[in-house]
């Protein structure tokens, strides 16, 4: 019984989803490394085309 609990705990611990931000265009939470077709580059950020560098992220 403990083995099952330990396995579940280790699986949850190993998941790393990244930072969650909110998208102003879709009005929903997204991960910072996600990308979408509505991407517009934020001038102050790096050149990666993902949600954390999008104009709509906050």
PDB file of N, CA and C in Angstrom:
ATOM      1  N   UNK A   1       0.819  -1.196   0.000  1.00  0.00           N
ATOM      2  CA  UNK A   1       0.000   0.000   0.000  1.00  0.00           C
ATOM      3  C   UNK A   1       0.861   1.258   0.000  1.00  0.00           C
ATOM      4  N   UNK A   2       1.929   1.268   0.757  1.00  0.00           N
ATOM      5  CA  UNK A   2       2.829   2.415   0.767  1.00  0.00           C
ATOM      6  C   UNK A   2       3.519   2.616  -0.571  1.00  0.00           C
ATOM      7  N   UNK A   3       3.784   1.521  -1.272  1.00  0.00           N
ATOM      8  CA  UNK A   3       4.448   1.627  -2.559  1.00  0.00           C
ATOM      9  C   UNK A   3       3.591   2.413  -3.548  1.00  0.00           C
ATOM     10  N   UNK A   4       2.299   2.156  -3.537  1.00  0.00           N
ATOM     11  CA  UNK A   4       1.396   2.858  -4.443  1.00  0.00           C
ATOM     12  C   UNK A   4       1.366   4.345  -4.117  1.00  0.00           C
ATOM     13  N   UNK A   5       1.315   4.686  -2.848  1.00  0.00           N
ATOM     14  CA  UNK A   5       1.292   6.077  -2.435  1.00  0.00           C
ATOM     15  C   UNK A   5       2.608   6.779  -2.809  1.00  0.00           C
ATOM     16  N   UNK A   6       3.737   6.107  -2.584  1.00  0.00           N
ATOM     17  CA  UNK A   6       5.033   6.683  -2.915  1.00  0.00           C
ATOM     18  C   UNK A   6       5.197   6.891  -4.417  1.00  0.00           C
ATOM     19  N   UNK A   7       4.706   5.935  -5.208  1.00  0.00           N
ATOM     20  CA  UNK A   7       4.794   6.055  -6.661  1.00  0.00           C
ATOM     21  C   UNK A   7       3.987   7.261  -7.141  1.00  0.00           C
ATOM     22  N   UNK A   8       2.802   7.428  -6.604  1.00  0.00           N
ATOM     23  CA  UNK A   8       1.950   8.551  -6.994  1.00  0.00           C
ATOM     24  C   UNK A   8       2.599   9.876  -6.602  1.00  0.00           C
ATOM     25  N   UNK A   9       3.186   9.930  -5.418  1.00  0.00           N
ATOM     26  CA  UNK A   9       3.850  11.141  -4.958  1.00  0.00           C
ATOM     27  C   UNK A   9       5.028  11.489  -5.853  1.00  0.00           C
ATOM     28  N   UNK A  10       5.820  10.497  -6.244  1.00  0.00           N
ATOM     29  CA  UNK A  10       6.971  10.737  -7.105  1.00  0.00           C
ATOM     30  C   UNK A  10       6.561  11.195  -8.499  1.00  0.00           C
ATOM     31  N   UNK A  11       5.462  10.664  -9.022  1.00  0.00           N
ATOM     32  CA  UNK A  11       4.981  11.074 -10.334  1.00  0.00           C
ATOM     33  C   UNK A  11       4.510  12.527 -10.303  1.00  0.00           C
ATOM     34  N   UNK A  12       3.797  12.917  -9.263  1.00  0.00           N
ATOM     35  CA  UNK A  12       3.330  14.294  -9.143  1.00  0.00           C
ATOM     36  C   UNK A  12       4.488  15.263  -8.963  1.00  0.00           C
ATOM     37  N   UNK A  13       5.489  14.823  -8.240  1.00  0.00           N
ATOM     38  CA  UNK A  13       6.650  15.663  -7.983  1.00  0.00           C
ATOM     39  C   UNK A  13       7.466  15.884  -9.254  1.00  0.00           C
ATOM     40  N   UNK A  14       7.522  14.873 -10.127  1.00  0.00           N
ATOM     41  CA  UNK A  14       8.344  14.966 -11.329  1.00  0.00           C
ATOM     42  C   UNK A  14       7.699  15.828 -12.418  1.00  0.00           C
ATOM     43  N   UNK A  15       6.413  16.069 -12.328  1.00  0.00           N
ATOM     44  CA  UNK A  15       5.744  16.910 -13.321  1.00  0.00           C
ATOM     45  C   UNK A  15       6.140  18.364 -13.100  1.00  0.00           C
ATOM     46  N   UNK A  16       6.645  18.986 -14.143  1.00  0.00           N
ATOM     47  CA  UNK A  16       6.964  20.407 -14.050  1.00  0.00           C
ATOM     48  C   UNK A  16       6.271  21.115 -15.202  1.00  0.00           C
ATOM     49  N   UNK A  17       5.218  21.807 -14.911  1.00  0.00           N
ATOM     50  CA  UNK A  17       4.413  22.452 -15.936  1.00  0.00           C
ATOM     51  C   UNK A  17       4.905  23.839 -16.305  1.00  0.00           C
ATOM     52  N   UNK A  18       5.737  24.422 -15.495  1.00  0.00           N
ATOM     53  CA  UNK A  18       6.209  25.763 -15.772  1.00  0.00           C
ATOM     54  C   UNK A  18       5.320  26.811 -15.153  1.00  0.00           C
ATOM     55  N   UNK A  19       5.649  28.028 -15.380  1.00  0.00           N
ATOM     56  CA  UNK A  19       4.899  29.146 -14.831  1.00  0.00           C
ATOM     57  C   UNK A  19       3.603  29.339 -15.611  1.00  0.00           C
ATOM     58  N   UNK A  20       2.526  29.591 -14.888  1.00  0.00           N
ATOM     59  CA  UNK A  20       1.232  29.810 -15.528  1.00  0.00           C
ATOM     60  C   UNK A  20       0.964  31.313 -15.575  1.00  0.00           C
ATOM     61  N   UNK A  21       0.619  31.803 -16.751  1.00  0.00           N
ATOM     62  CA  UNK A  21       0.279  33.213 -16.942  1.00  0.00           C
ATOM     63  C   UNK A  21      -1.128  33.285 -17.535  1.00  0.00           C
ATOM     64  N   UNK A  22      -1.669  34.467 -17.633  1.00  0.00           N
ATOM     65  CA  UNK A  22      -3.006  34.629 -18.198  1.00  0.00           C
ATOM     66  C   UNK A  22      -2.902  35.330 -19.544  1.00  0.00           C
ATOM     67  N   UNK A  23      -3.708  34.877 -20.486  1.00  0.00           N
ATOM     68  CA  UNK A  23      -3.740  35.453 -21.830  1.00  0.00           C
ATOM     69  C   UNK A  23      -4.919  36.424 -21.927  1.00  0.00           C
ATOM     70  N   UNK A  24      -4.649  37.652 -22.313  1.00  0.00           N
ATOM     71  CA  UNK A  24      -5.695  38.651 -22.451  1.00  0.00           C
ATOM     72  C   UNK A  24      -6.536  38.458 -23.703  1.00  0.00           C
ATOM     73  N   UNK A  25      -5.980  37.787 -24.705  1.00  0.00           N
ATOM     74  CA  UNK A  25      -6.711  37.548 -25.948  1.00  0.00           C
ATOM     75  C   UNK A  25      -7.752  36.448 -25.770  1.00  0.00           C
ATOM     76  N   UNK A  26      -7.344  35.341 -25.158  1.00  0.00           N
ATOM     77  CA  UNK A  26      -8.246  34.203 -24.977  1.00  0.00           C
ATOM     78  C   UNK A  26      -8.905  34.182 -23.606  1.00  0.00           C
ATOM     79  N   UNK A  27      -8.522  35.092 -22.726  1.00  0.00           N
ATOM     80  CA  UNK A  27      -9.036  35.202 -21.350  1.00  0.00           C
ATOM     81  C   UNK A  27      -9.023  33.870 -20.613  1.00  0.00           C
ATOM     82  N   UNK A  28      -7.887  33.197 -20.645  1.00  0.00           N
ATOM     83  CA  UNK A  28      -7.723  31.930 -19.944  1.00  0.00           C
ATOM     84  C   UNK A  28      -6.271  31.779 -19.521  1.00  0.00           C
ATOM     85  N   UNK A  29      -6.004  30.950 -18.514  1.00  0.00           N
ATOM     86  CA  UNK A  29      -4.613  30.720 -18.115  1.00  0.00           C
ATOM     87  C   UNK A  29      -3.888  29.849 -19.136  1.00  0.00           C
ATOM     88  N   UNK A  30      -2.634  30.170 -19.386  1.00  0.00           N
ATOM     89  CA  UNK A  30      -1.785  29.397 -20.289  1.00  0.00           C
ATOM     90  C   UNK A  30      -0.418  29.222 -19.638  1.00  0.00           C
ATOM     91  N   UNK A  31       0.349  28.263 -20.106  1.00  0.00           N
ATOM     92  CA  UNK A  31       1.712  28.085 -19.630  1.00  0.00           C
ATOM     93  C   UNK A  31       2.629  29.038 -20.380  1.00  0.00           C
ATOM     94  N   UNK A  32       3.725  29.459 -19.728  1.00  0.00           N
ATOM     95  CA  UNK A  32       4.581  30.468 -20.344  1.00  0.00           C
ATOM     96  C   UNK A  32       5.284  29.981 -21.599  1.00  0.00           C
ATOM     97  N   UNK A  33       5.412  28.654 -21.795  1.00  0.00           N
ATOM     98  CA  UNK A  33       6.077  28.156 -22.992  1.00  0.00           C
ATOM     99  C   UNK A  33       5.103  27.745 -24.091  1.00  0.00           C
ATOM    100  N   UNK A  34       3.791  27.949 -23.907  1.00  0.00           N
ATOM    101  CA  UNK A  34       2.807  27.663 -24.946  1.00  0.00           C
ATOM    102  C   UNK A  34       2.892  28.721 -26.043  1.00  0.00           C
ATOM    103  N   UNK A  35       2.372  28.373 -27.194  1.00  0.00           N
ATOM    104  CA  UNK A  35       2.303  29.339 -28.294  1.00  0.00           C
ATOM    105  C   UNK A  35       0.944  29.203 -28.976  1.00  0.00           C
ATOM    106  N   UNK A  36       0.542  30.227 -29.703  1.00  0.00           N
ATOM    107  CA  UNK A  36      -0.753  30.191 -30.383  1.00  0.00           C
ATOM    108  C   UNK A  36      -0.690  31.010 -31.665  1.00  0.00           C
ATOM    109  N   UNK A  37      -1.743  30.935 -32.460  1.00  0.00           N
ATOM    110  CA  UNK A  37      -1.787  31.644 -33.740  1.00  0.00           C
ATOM    111  C   UNK A  37      -2.008  33.148 -33.551  1.00  0.00           C
ATOM    112  N   UNK A  38      -2.491  33.569 -32.383  1.00  0.00           N
ATOM    113  CA  UNK A  38      -2.740  34.982 -32.124  1.00  0.00           C
ATOM    114  C   UNK A  38      -1.565  35.702 -31.493  1.00  0.00           C
ATOM    115  N   UNK A  39      -0.352  35.145 -31.609  1.00  0.00           N
ATOM    116  CA  UNK A  39       0.843  35.710 -30.979  1.00  0.00           C
ATOM    117  C   UNK A  39       1.209  37.048 -31.611  1.00  0.00           C
ATOM    118  N   UNK A  40       1.404  38.061 -30.766  1.00  0.00           N
ATOM    119  CA  UNK A  40       1.957  39.361 -31.183  1.00  0.00           C
ATOM    120  C   UNK A  40       3.102  39.674 -30.245  1.00  0.00           C
ATOM    121  N   UNK A  41       4.285  39.887 -30.796  1.00  0.00           N
ATOM    122  CA  UNK A  41       5.497  40.054 -30.000  1.00  0.00           C
ATOM    123  C   UNK A  41       5.412  41.280 -29.098  1.00  0.00           C
ATOM    124  N   UNK A  42       5.772  41.077 -27.836  1.00  0.00           N
ATOM    125  CA  UNK A  42       5.907  42.176 -26.896  1.00  0.00           C
ATOM    126  C   UNK A  42       7.271  42.815 -27.133  1.00  0.00           C
ATOM    127  N   UNK A  43       7.341  44.104 -27.265  1.00  0.00           N
ATOM    128  CA  UNK A  43       8.574  44.794 -27.651  1.00  0.00           C
ATOM    129  C   UNK A  43       9.690  44.589 -26.630  1.00  0.00           C
ATOM    130  N   UNK A  44       9.375  44.492 -25.354  1.00  0.00           N
ATOM    131  CA  UNK A  44      10.385  44.430 -24.309  1.00  0.00           C
ATOM    132  C   UNK A  44      10.947  43.042 -24.061  1.00  0.00           C
ATOM    133  N   UNK A  45      10.505  42.031 -24.769  1.00  0.00           N
ATOM    134  CA  UNK A  45      10.903  40.650 -24.482  1.00  0.00           C
ATOM    135  C   UNK A  45      11.818  40.087 -25.565  1.00  0.00           C
ATOM    136  N   UNK A  46      12.304  38.848 -25.332  1.00  0.00           N
ATOM    137  CA  UNK A  46      13.162  38.154 -26.290  1.00  0.00           C
ATOM    138  C   UNK A  46      12.376  37.742 -27.534  1.00  0.00           C
ATOM    139  N   UNK A  47      13.057  37.126 -28.478  1.00  0.00           N
ATOM    140  CA  UNK A  47      12.463  36.817 -29.776  1.00  0.00           C
ATOM    141  C   UNK A  47      11.693  35.500 -29.824  1.00  0.00           C
ATOM    142  N   UNK A  48      11.610  34.753 -28.725  1.00  0.00           N
ATOM    143  CA  UNK A  48      10.880  33.482 -28.753  1.00  0.00           C
ATOM    144  C   UNK A  48       9.393  33.728 -28.959  1.00  0.00           C
ATOM    145  N   UNK A  49       8.795  32.921 -29.825  1.00  0.00           N
ATOM    146  CA  UNK A  49       7.363  33.067 -30.112  1.00  0.00           C
ATOM    147  C   UNK A  49       6.546  32.195 -29.177  1.00  0.00           C
ATOM    148  N   UNK A  50       6.493  32.567 -27.909  1.00  0.00           N
ATOM    149  CA  UNK A  50       5.671  31.833 -26.957  1.00  0.00           C
ATOM    150  C   UNK A  50       4.897  32.816 -26.089  1.00  0.00           C
ATOM    151  N   UNK A  51       4.009  32.293 -25.269  1.00  0.00           N
ATOM    152  CA  UNK A  51       3.047  33.128 -24.546  1.00  0.00           C
ATOM    153  C   UNK A  51       3.679  34.131 -23.584  1.00  0.00           C
ATOM    154  N   UNK A  52       4.822  33.803 -22.989  1.00  0.00           N
ATOM    155  CA  UNK A  52       5.402  34.753 -22.042  1.00  0.00           C
ATOM    156  C   UNK A  52       5.937  35.998 -22.746  1.00  0.00           C
ATOM    157  N   UNK A  53       6.188  35.930 -24.051  1.00  0.00           N
ATOM    158  CA  UNK A  53       6.672  37.077 -24.814  1.00  0.00           C
ATOM    159  C   UNK A  53       5.587  37.723 -25.652  1.00  0.00           C
ATOM    160  N   UNK A  54       4.342  37.329 -25.402  1.00  0.00           N
ATOM    161  CA  UNK A  54       3.224  37.840 -26.180  1.00  0.00           C
ATOM    162  C   UNK A  54       2.707  39.154 -25.606  1.00  0.00           C
ATOM    163  N   UNK A  55       2.170  39.981 -26.470  1.00  0.00           N
ATOM    164  CA  UNK A  55       1.590  41.268 -26.074  1.00  0.00           C
ATOM    165  C   UNK A  55       0.410  41.080 -25.114  1.00  0.00           C
ATOM    166  N   UNK A  56      -0.317  39.976 -25.251  1.00  0.00           N
ATOM    167  CA  UNK A  56      -1.528  39.734 -24.477  1.00  0.00           C
ATOM    168  C   UNK A  56      -1.293  39.082 -23.117  1.00  0.00           C
ATOM    169  N   UNK A  57      -0.056  38.677 -22.811  1.00  0.00           N
ATOM    170  CA  UNK A  57       0.194  37.976 -21.543  1.00  0.00           C
ATOM    171  C   UNK A  57       0.286  38.954 -20.368  1.00  0.00           C
ATOM    172  N   UNK A  58      -0.251  38.547 -19.244  1.00  0.00           N
ATOM    173  CA  UNK A  58      -0.124  39.332 -18.004  1.00  0.00           C
ATOM    174  C   UNK A  58      -0.220  38.429 -16.808  1.00  0.00           C
TER     175      UNK A  58
END
